[in-house]
């Protein structure tokens, strides 16, 4: 009678390889995110992350494997395409409107209101560049988050005809938070194709 040696215990590396083989065998349809809401697919492949130092209370399985979504692309970029409109609207409502969309991946930027609504909790990057056309005036522009200014910029050189209020920063947002550009001071007298507002999701939390 031939005696076979008992199989050795799986090392973390071999366990990881076995898990990958099972995922390949089952396909992406067998993988679900931790809250079991929807399948996770990244370019038709499963993205598996091995946590070599799992926490004391892991949220994943016993192998320390977790699945992260690769489909959460969020980005927008908009410009003011006309010289006077919608700048005249901005002077009345103090919201700076952008009437031409360059990029709106995920459709989370509302062009009618020029407001971005965060689809999920995460860190977002925003930048803006708002041009004043006439001298002898000062404009101040703020990035407003849920009604509160978080970053601001101004343009007020009396000897410069065309000057821009520009700034950029990272902002932590919850799902459903709203952000837009507000004209805090001065009047917008143009900015045809030179004024821009852009943002994107850096990473979810």
Protein backbone atom coordinates (compact mmCIF):
# COMPACT_ATOMS: atom_id res chain seq x y z
CA UNK A 1 0.00 0.00 0.00
CA UNK A 2 1.40 3.35 -1.04
CA UNK A 3 1.33 5.98 1.67
CA UNK A 4 1.06 9.58 0.57
CA UNK A 5 2.42 12.35 2.78
CA UNK A 6 -0.18 14.61 4.36
CA UNK A 7 -0.52 18.00 2.66
CA UNK A 8 1.38 20.79 4.37
CA UNK A 9 -0.39 23.77 5.82
CA UNK A 10 -0.96 26.59 3.38
CA UNK A 11 1.38 29.51 3.72
CA UNK A 12 -0.07 33.03 3.25
CA UNK A 13 1.51 33.15 -0.19
CA UNK A 14 0.06 29.82 -1.29
CA UNK A 15 -3.32 30.72 0.19
CA UNK A 16 -3.27 33.91 -1.83
CA UNK A 17 -2.47 31.91 -4.98
CA UNK A 18 -5.31 29.47 -4.27
CA UNK A 19 -7.70 32.39 -3.82
CA UNK A 20 -6.60 33.85 -7.14
CA UNK A 21 -7.13 30.50 -8.87
CA UNK A 22 -10.61 30.26 -7.42
CA UNK A 23 -11.40 33.77 -8.59
CA UNK A 24 -10.20 32.97 -12.10
CA UNK A 25 -12.27 29.77 -12.08
CA UNK A 26 -15.43 31.47 -10.82
CA UNK A 27 -15.02 34.63 -12.91
CA UNK A 28 -15.89 38.24 -11.96
CA UNK A 29 -19.57 37.40 -11.49
CA UNK A 30 -18.74 35.43 -8.34
CA UNK A 31 -17.06 38.34 -6.61
CA UNK A 32 -19.06 40.88 -4.65
CA UNK A 33 -18.02 43.87 -2.62
CA UNK A 34 -17.94 43.76 1.15
CA UNK A 35 -21.42 45.23 1.56
CA UNK A 36 -22.73 42.72 -1.02
CA UNK A 37 -24.36 45.36 -3.19
CA UNK A 38 -22.94 44.91 -6.68
CA UNK A 39 -20.28 42.92 -8.53
CA UNK A 40 -16.85 44.52 -8.74
CA UNK A 41 -15.23 44.49 -12.16
CA UNK A 42 -12.09 46.35 -13.23
CA UNK A 43 -11.50 46.28 -16.97
CA UNK A 44 -13.06 42.82 -17.06
CA UNK A 45 -10.73 41.51 -14.34
CA UNK A 46 -11.01 41.07 -10.59
CA UNK A 47 -8.79 43.33 -8.52
CA UNK A 48 -7.65 41.45 -5.42
CA UNK A 49 -5.66 43.17 -2.69
CA UNK A 50 -3.83 41.11 -0.09
CA UNK A 51 -3.50 42.78 3.31
CA UNK A 52 -0.22 41.56 4.76
CA UNK A 53 -0.97 43.24 8.08
CA UNK A 54 -4.71 42.75 8.68
CA UNK A 55 -6.34 44.57 11.54
CA UNK A 56 -7.46 42.88 14.74
CA UNK A 57 -11.02 42.91 13.44
CA UNK A 58 -10.73 42.39 9.69
CA UNK A 59 -13.69 43.30 7.56
CA UNK A 60 -12.73 40.85 4.82
CA UNK A 61 -12.40 37.09 4.92
CA UNK A 62 -9.97 34.87 6.78
CA UNK A 63 -7.30 35.27 4.11
CA UNK A 64 -7.26 39.03 4.48
CA UNK A 65 -8.46 39.52 0.91
CA UNK A 66 -10.57 42.48 -0.09
CA UNK A 67 -12.05 43.58 -3.39
CA UNK A 68 -12.04 47.20 -4.44
CA UNK A 69 -14.01 48.85 -7.17
CA UNK A 70 -12.23 50.19 -10.23
CA UNK A 71 -15.34 51.74 -11.78
CA UNK A 72 -15.63 54.81 -9.52
CA UNK A 73 -14.35 57.34 -12.04
CA UNK A 74 -15.51 60.88 -11.21
CA UNK A 75 -14.23 63.96 -13.04
CA UNK A 76 -15.54 67.15 -14.58
CA UNK A 77 -14.24 70.23 -16.33
CA UNK A 78 -16.30 73.18 -17.55
CA UNK A 79 -15.67 76.55 -19.19
CA UNK A 80 -17.55 79.80 -19.71
CA UNK A 81 -18.12 79.75 -23.45
CA UNK A 82 -19.88 83.11 -23.85
CA UNK A 83 -18.56 86.57 -23.11
CA UNK A 84 -21.48 88.15 -21.25
CA UNK A 85 -23.89 85.30 -20.61
CA UNK A 86 -23.88 83.54 -18.24
CA UNK A 87 -21.73 86.17 -16.50
CA UNK A 88 -24.77 88.45 -16.11
CA UNK A 89 -26.56 85.58 -14.36
CA UNK A 90 -23.56 85.21 -12.07
CA UNK A 91 -23.78 88.86 -11.04
CA UNK A 92 -27.40 88.38 -9.93
CA UNK A 93 -27.12 85.06 -8.13
CA UNK A 94 -23.44 85.29 -7.11
CA UNK A 95 -23.01 81.76 -8.48
CA UNK A 96 -20.47 81.55 -11.29
CA UNK A 97 -22.03 79.59 -14.13
CA UNK A 98 -20.22 77.49 -16.71
CA UNK A 99 -22.14 76.82 -19.88
CA UNK A 100 -19.90 74.40 -21.78
CA UNK A 101 -18.88 70.99 -20.44
CA UNK A 102 -15.51 69.58 -21.49
CA UNK A 103 -15.57 66.48 -19.28
CA UNK A 104 -18.32 65.14 -17.03
CA UNK A 105 -17.48 61.53 -16.23
CA UNK A 106 -20.17 60.13 -13.98
CA UNK A 107 -22.48 63.12 -14.74
CA UNK A 108 -22.12 64.51 -11.21
CA UNK A 109 -21.64 68.10 -12.37
CA UNK A 110 -24.98 69.82 -13.00
CA UNK A 111 -24.42 72.29 -15.87
CA UNK A 112 -27.76 74.04 -15.32
CA UNK A 113 -26.79 75.05 -11.77
CA UNK A 114 -22.99 74.69 -12.16
CA UNK A 115 -22.95 72.61 -8.98
CA UNK A 116 -20.97 69.44 -8.36
CA UNK A 117 -22.61 66.79 -6.15
CA UNK A 118 -20.31 64.20 -4.58
CA UNK A 119 -21.43 60.65 -5.41
CA UNK A 120 -19.52 59.12 -2.49
CA UNK A 121 -17.37 59.97 0.51
CA UNK A 122 -13.81 60.73 -0.47
CA UNK A 123 -11.05 63.24 -1.12
CA UNK A 124 -11.68 65.47 -4.13
CA UNK A 125 -9.42 67.85 -6.00
CA UNK A 126 -10.78 71.16 -7.33
CA UNK A 127 -9.26 73.99 -9.32
CA UNK A 128 -10.67 77.19 -10.78
CA UNK A 129 -9.53 80.05 -12.98
CA UNK A 130 -11.91 83.00 -13.29
CA UNK A 131 -10.93 85.97 -15.45
CA UNK A 132 -11.92 89.60 -14.96
CA UNK A 133 -11.71 91.61 -18.16
CA UNK A 134 -11.76 95.26 -17.09
CA UNK A 135 -9.34 97.10 -14.84
CA UNK A 136 -10.28 99.29 -11.87
CA UNK A 137 -12.20 96.46 -10.31
CA UNK A 138 -11.49 93.61 -7.91
CA UNK A 139 -13.13 90.22 -7.95
CA UNK A 140 -13.03 87.59 -5.23
CA UNK A 141 -14.01 83.98 -5.97
CA UNK A 142 -14.59 81.19 -3.45
CA UNK A 143 -15.06 77.46 -3.73
CA UNK A 144 -18.15 76.89 -1.61
CA UNK A 145 -18.88 73.57 0.09
CA UNK A 146 -22.42 73.19 1.44
CA UNK A 147 -22.78 76.95 1.71
CA UNK A 148 -19.38 77.62 3.32
CA UNK A 149 -16.30 78.94 1.47
CA UNK A 150 -13.30 76.63 1.78
CA UNK A 151 -10.72 78.21 -0.54
CA UNK A 152 -10.71 81.66 -2.15
CA UNK A 153 -8.79 83.78 -4.63
CA UNK A 154 -8.93 87.35 -5.86
CA UNK A 155 -7.80 89.45 -8.79
CA UNK A 156 -7.43 93.15 -8.09
CA UNK A 157 -4.54 94.71 -9.96
CA UNK A 158 -5.84 98.12 -11.08
CA UNK A 159 -3.30 98.37 -13.88
CA UNK A 160 -4.02 95.01 -15.47
CA UNK A 161 -6.94 94.66 -17.86
CA UNK A 162 -7.20 90.88 -17.90
CA UNK A 163 -6.40 89.14 -14.64
CA UNK A 164 -7.52 85.83 -13.14
CA UNK A 165 -8.57 84.69 -9.68
CA UNK A 166 -7.18 81.18 -9.46
CA UNK A 167 -6.70 78.56 -6.77
CA UNK A 168 -6.77 74.81 -6.17
CA UNK A 169 -6.99 72.41 -3.24
CA UNK A 170 -8.09 69.07 -1.84
CA UNK A 171 -11.48 68.81 -0.12
CA UNK A 172 -12.98 65.95 1.88
CA UNK A 173 -16.62 65.41 0.93
CA UNK A 174 -19.44 63.20 2.08
CA UNK A 175 -21.92 61.64 -0.31
CA UNK A 176 -24.42 64.28 -1.41
CA UNK A 177 -22.22 67.27 -0.52
CA UNK A 178 -22.44 70.15 -2.97
CA UNK A 179 -19.75 72.52 -4.16
CA UNK A 180 -19.74 75.44 -6.60
CA UNK A 181 -17.95 78.73 -7.29
CA UNK A 182 -19.31 81.91 -5.75
CA UNK A 183 -18.53 85.48 -6.71
CA UNK A 184 -17.85 87.06 -3.31
CA UNK A 185 -16.89 90.49 -4.59
CA UNK A 186 -16.98 92.46 -7.84
CA UNK A 187 -18.62 91.84 -11.18
CA UNK A 188 -17.80 89.43 -13.97
CA UNK A 189 -17.49 91.31 -17.23
CA UNK A 190 -16.45 88.53 -19.57
CA UNK A 191 -14.02 85.65 -19.44
CA UNK A 192 -14.89 84.04 -22.76
CA UNK A 193 -13.29 80.56 -22.74
CA UNK A 194 -10.66 81.70 -20.26
CA UNK A 195 -12.58 80.86 -17.09
CA UNK A 196 -12.58 77.20 -16.03
CA UNK A 197 -13.80 75.02 -13.17
CA UNK A 198 -12.54 71.43 -12.76
CA UNK A 199 -12.58 68.65 -10.20
CA UNK A 200 -12.12 64.93 -9.76
CA UNK A 201 -12.22 62.18 -7.13
CA UNK A 202 -8.70 61.48 -5.85
CA UNK A 203 -9.70 58.41 -3.83
CA UNK A 204 -12.79 57.20 -1.93
CA UNK A 205 -12.87 56.80 1.85
